[in-house]
Amino acid sequence: MNFFEFWNQYKWRIISVLFAIVFAAFLFTIGFWKTLLLFVLVGIAFFIGTLLDEGGRARVGEFFRSIFKSRE
């Protein structure tokens, strides 16, 4: 079995284990709340990056306008 076959068969297990190792390393070095804040900020940055990939600045603006629109 070559690397790509192995990766395709066990991709999510590998990603999950790597995520757990990184989370544990951050947890032991900087503490729970800082680790949680770090992951929340990374998640927000990932989400905004996804919006930018989909439609550029207009898509980001559209998203925030839909959240903060007035309810008149």
N, C-alpha and C. Protein backbone atom coordinates (compact mmCIF):
# COMPACT_ATOMS: atom_id res chain seq x y z
N MET A 1 0.85 -1.18 0.00
CA MET A 1 0.00 0.00 0.00
C MET A 1 0.89 1.23 0.00
N ASN A 2 0.71 2.10 -0.99
CA ASN A 2 1.51 3.32 -1.02
C ASN A 2 0.86 4.41 -0.16
N PHE A 3 1.54 5.54 -0.07
CA PHE A 3 1.09 6.61 0.81
C PHE A 3 -0.30 7.14 0.42
N PHE A 4 -0.55 7.34 -0.85
CA PHE A 4 -1.82 7.92 -1.28
C PHE A 4 -3.00 6.98 -1.02
N GLU A 5 -2.80 5.69 -1.19
CA GLU A 5 -3.86 4.74 -0.85
C GLU A 5 -4.13 4.76 0.65
N PHE A 6 -3.04 4.79 1.42
CA PHE A 6 -3.17 4.85 2.88
C PHE A 6 -3.89 6.12 3.30
N TRP A 7 -3.50 7.24 2.70
CA TRP A 7 -4.12 8.54 3.02
C TRP A 7 -5.61 8.52 2.67
N ASN A 8 -5.96 8.03 1.50
CA ASN A 8 -7.36 8.01 1.10
C ASN A 8 -8.21 7.10 1.99
N GLN A 9 -7.62 6.03 2.47
CA GLN A 9 -8.38 5.10 3.31
C GLN A 9 -8.54 5.62 4.74
N TYR A 10 -7.51 6.29 5.27
CA TYR A 10 -7.51 6.70 6.68
C TYR A 10 -7.39 8.21 6.87
N LYS A 11 -7.81 9.00 5.91
CA LYS A 11 -7.61 10.45 5.93
C LYS A 11 -8.18 11.10 7.19
N TRP A 12 -9.42 10.82 7.53
CA TRP A 12 -10.05 11.50 8.66
C TRP A 12 -9.49 11.03 9.99
N ARG A 13 -9.05 9.79 10.07
CA ARG A 13 -8.40 9.32 11.30
C ARG A 13 -7.08 10.04 11.51
N ILE A 14 -6.32 10.20 10.43
CA ILE A 14 -5.03 10.88 10.52
C ILE A 14 -5.24 12.33 10.92
N ILE A 15 -6.17 13.01 10.28
CA ILE A 15 -6.44 14.41 10.59
C ILE A 15 -6.92 14.55 12.04
N SER A 16 -7.78 13.66 12.50
CA SER A 16 -8.29 13.73 13.87
C SER A 16 -7.18 13.53 14.90
N VAL A 17 -6.31 12.59 14.65
CA VAL A 17 -5.21 12.34 15.57
C VAL A 17 -4.26 13.53 15.60
N LEU A 18 -3.93 14.08 14.44
CA LEU A 18 -3.06 15.26 14.40
C LEU A 18 -3.69 16.44 15.13
N PHE A 19 -5.01 16.63 14.93
CA PHE A 19 -5.72 17.70 15.64
C PHE A 19 -5.64 17.48 17.15
N ALA A 20 -5.82 16.27 17.61
CA ALA A 20 -5.76 15.96 19.04
C ALA A 20 -4.37 16.21 19.60
N ILE A 21 -3.34 15.87 18.85
CA ILE A 21 -1.97 16.10 19.30
C ILE A 21 -1.69 17.60 19.42
N VAL A 22 -2.11 18.37 18.43
CA VAL A 22 -1.90 19.82 18.47
C VAL A 22 -2.70 20.43 19.62
N PHE A 23 -3.95 20.00 19.78
CA PHE A 23 -4.78 20.52 20.87
C PHE A 23 -4.15 20.22 22.22
N ALA A 24 -3.68 19.01 22.41
CA ALA A 24 -3.05 18.63 23.68
C ALA A 24 -1.78 19.43 23.93
N ALA A 25 -0.98 19.64 22.90
CA ALA A 25 0.24 20.41 23.06
C ALA A 25 -0.08 21.84 23.48
N PHE A 26 -1.06 22.45 22.83
CA PHE A 26 -1.46 23.80 23.22
C PHE A 26 -2.06 23.81 24.62
N LEU A 27 -2.85 22.81 24.95
CA LEU A 27 -3.49 22.74 26.25
C LEU A 27 -2.45 22.69 27.37
N PHE A 28 -1.42 21.89 27.18
CA PHE A 28 -0.40 21.75 28.22
C PHE A 28 0.54 22.95 28.28
N THR A 29 0.72 23.66 27.18
CA THR A 29 1.68 24.77 27.19
C THR A 29 1.04 26.11 27.51
N ILE A 30 -0.16 26.40 26.99
CA ILE A 30 -0.73 27.73 27.22
C ILE A 30 -2.02 27.71 28.02
N GLY A 31 -2.55 26.56 28.35
CA GLY A 31 -3.74 26.48 29.19
C GLY A 31 -5.02 26.32 28.38
N PHE A 32 -6.09 25.96 29.11
CA PHE A 32 -7.36 25.64 28.47
C PHE A 32 -8.00 26.84 27.78
N TRP A 33 -8.16 27.95 28.50
CA TRP A 33 -8.91 29.08 27.95
C TRP A 33 -8.18 29.74 26.79
N LYS A 34 -6.87 29.85 26.88
CA LYS A 34 -6.10 30.42 25.76
C LYS A 34 -6.16 29.50 24.54
N THR A 35 -6.13 28.19 24.79
CA THR A 35 -6.26 27.23 23.70
C THR A 35 -7.62 27.33 23.06
N LEU A 36 -8.66 27.41 23.87
CA LEU A 36 -10.01 27.56 23.34
C LEU A 36 -10.15 28.83 22.52
N LEU A 37 -9.63 29.94 23.04
CA LEU A 37 -9.67 31.21 22.29
C LEU A 37 -8.92 31.09 20.97
N LEU A 38 -7.76 30.45 20.99
CA LEU A 38 -6.97 30.26 19.78
C LEU A 38 -7.76 29.50 18.73
N PHE A 39 -8.41 28.40 19.12
CA PHE A 39 -9.16 27.60 18.17
C PHE A 39 -10.40 28.33 17.66
N VAL A 40 -11.03 29.13 18.50
CA VAL A 40 -12.18 29.93 18.05
C VAL A 40 -11.72 30.96 17.02
N LEU A 41 -10.63 31.64 17.29
CA LEU A 41 -10.11 32.63 16.34
C LEU A 41 -9.69 32.00 15.02
N VAL A 42 -9.07 30.84 15.10
CA VAL A 42 -8.68 30.13 13.87
C VAL A 42 -9.93 29.72 13.09
N GLY A 43 -10.96 29.26 13.79
CA GLY A 43 -12.21 28.90 13.13
C GLY A 43 -12.86 30.08 12.44
N ILE A 44 -12.88 31.24 13.10
CA ILE A 44 -13.44 32.44 12.50
C ILE A 44 -12.64 32.86 11.27
N ALA A 45 -11.31 32.80 11.38
CA ALA A 45 -10.46 33.15 10.24
C ALA A 45 -10.68 32.20 9.08
N PHE A 46 -10.83 30.92 9.38
CA PHE A 46 -11.11 29.93 8.33
C PHE A 46 -12.43 30.23 7.64
N PHE A 47 -13.46 30.57 8.42
CA PHE A 47 -14.78 30.87 7.87
C PHE A 47 -14.73 32.11 6.98
N ILE A 48 -14.06 33.16 7.43
CA ILE A 48 -13.94 34.38 6.61
C ILE A 48 -13.13 34.08 5.35
N GLY A 49 -12.08 33.27 5.46
CA GLY A 49 -11.31 32.88 4.29
C GLY A 49 -12.15 32.11 3.29
N THR A 50 -13.03 31.25 3.79
CA THR A 50 -13.94 30.51 2.91
C THR A 50 -14.87 31.46 2.18
N LEU A 51 -15.41 32.45 2.90
CA LEU A 51 -16.28 33.44 2.26
C LEU A 51 -15.52 34.22 1.19
N LEU A 52 -14.28 34.58 1.48
CA LEU A 52 -13.48 35.30 0.49
C LEU A 52 -13.20 34.44 -0.74
N ASP A 53 -12.95 33.17 -0.53
CA ASP A 53 -12.72 32.26 -1.66
C ASP A 53 -13.97 32.13 -2.52
N GLU A 54 -15.14 32.12 -1.89
CA GLU A 54 -16.39 31.93 -2.63
C GLU A 54 -16.79 33.16 -3.43
N GLY A 55 -16.62 34.35 -2.85
CA GLY A 55 -17.13 35.50 -3.57
C GLY A 55 -16.41 36.80 -3.32
N GLY A 56 -15.25 36.75 -2.75
CA GLY A 56 -14.48 37.96 -2.52
C GLY A 56 -15.07 38.82 -1.42
N ARG A 57 -14.66 40.09 -1.42
CA ARG A 57 -15.10 41.01 -0.38
C ARG A 57 -16.60 41.22 -0.40
N ALA A 58 -17.21 41.13 -1.58
CA ALA A 58 -18.66 41.32 -1.68
C ALA A 58 -19.39 40.23 -0.89
N ARG A 59 -18.90 39.02 -0.94
CA ARG A 59 -19.54 37.91 -0.21
C ARG A 59 -19.43 38.10 1.30
N VAL A 60 -18.27 38.60 1.78
CA VAL A 60 -18.10 38.85 3.20
C VAL A 60 -19.05 39.95 3.65
N GLY A 61 -19.13 41.03 2.85
CA GLY A 61 -20.05 42.11 3.17
C GLY A 61 -21.49 41.65 3.17
N GLU A 62 -21.86 40.83 2.21
CA GLU A 62 -23.22 40.28 2.14
C GLU A 62 -23.53 39.45 3.37
N PHE A 63 -22.58 38.65 3.82
CA PHE A 63 -22.79 37.81 5.00
C PHE A 63 -23.04 38.67 6.24
N PHE A 64 -22.19 39.69 6.46
CA PHE A 64 -22.35 40.51 7.65
C PHE A 64 -23.60 41.39 7.58
N ARG A 65 -23.98 41.83 6.39
CA ARG A 65 -25.24 42.58 6.25
C ARG A 65 -26.42 41.69 6.58
N SER A 66 -26.36 40.41 6.18
CA SER A 66 -27.47 39.51 6.49
C SER A 66 -27.58 39.23 7.99
N ILE A 67 -26.47 39.27 8.68
CA ILE A 67 -26.50 39.06 10.14
C ILE A 67 -27.01 40.30 10.87
N PHE A 68 -26.56 41.47 10.47
CA PHE A 68 -26.85 42.68 11.19
C PHE A 68 -27.93 43.54 10.54
N LYS A 69 -28.77 42.97 9.71
CA LYS A 69 -29.82 43.76 9.07
C LYS A 69 -30.86 44.17 10.10
N SER A 70 -31.47 45.32 9.87
CA SER A 70 -32.49 45.81 10.80
C SER A 70 -33.76 45.00 10.64
N ARG A 71 -34.46 44.85 11.71
CA ARG A 71 -35.69 44.03 11.71
C ARG A 71 -36.93 44.92 11.71
N GLU A 72 -37.01 45.82 10.80
CA GLU A 72 -38.15 46.74 10.72
C GLU A 72 -39.27 46.16 9.94
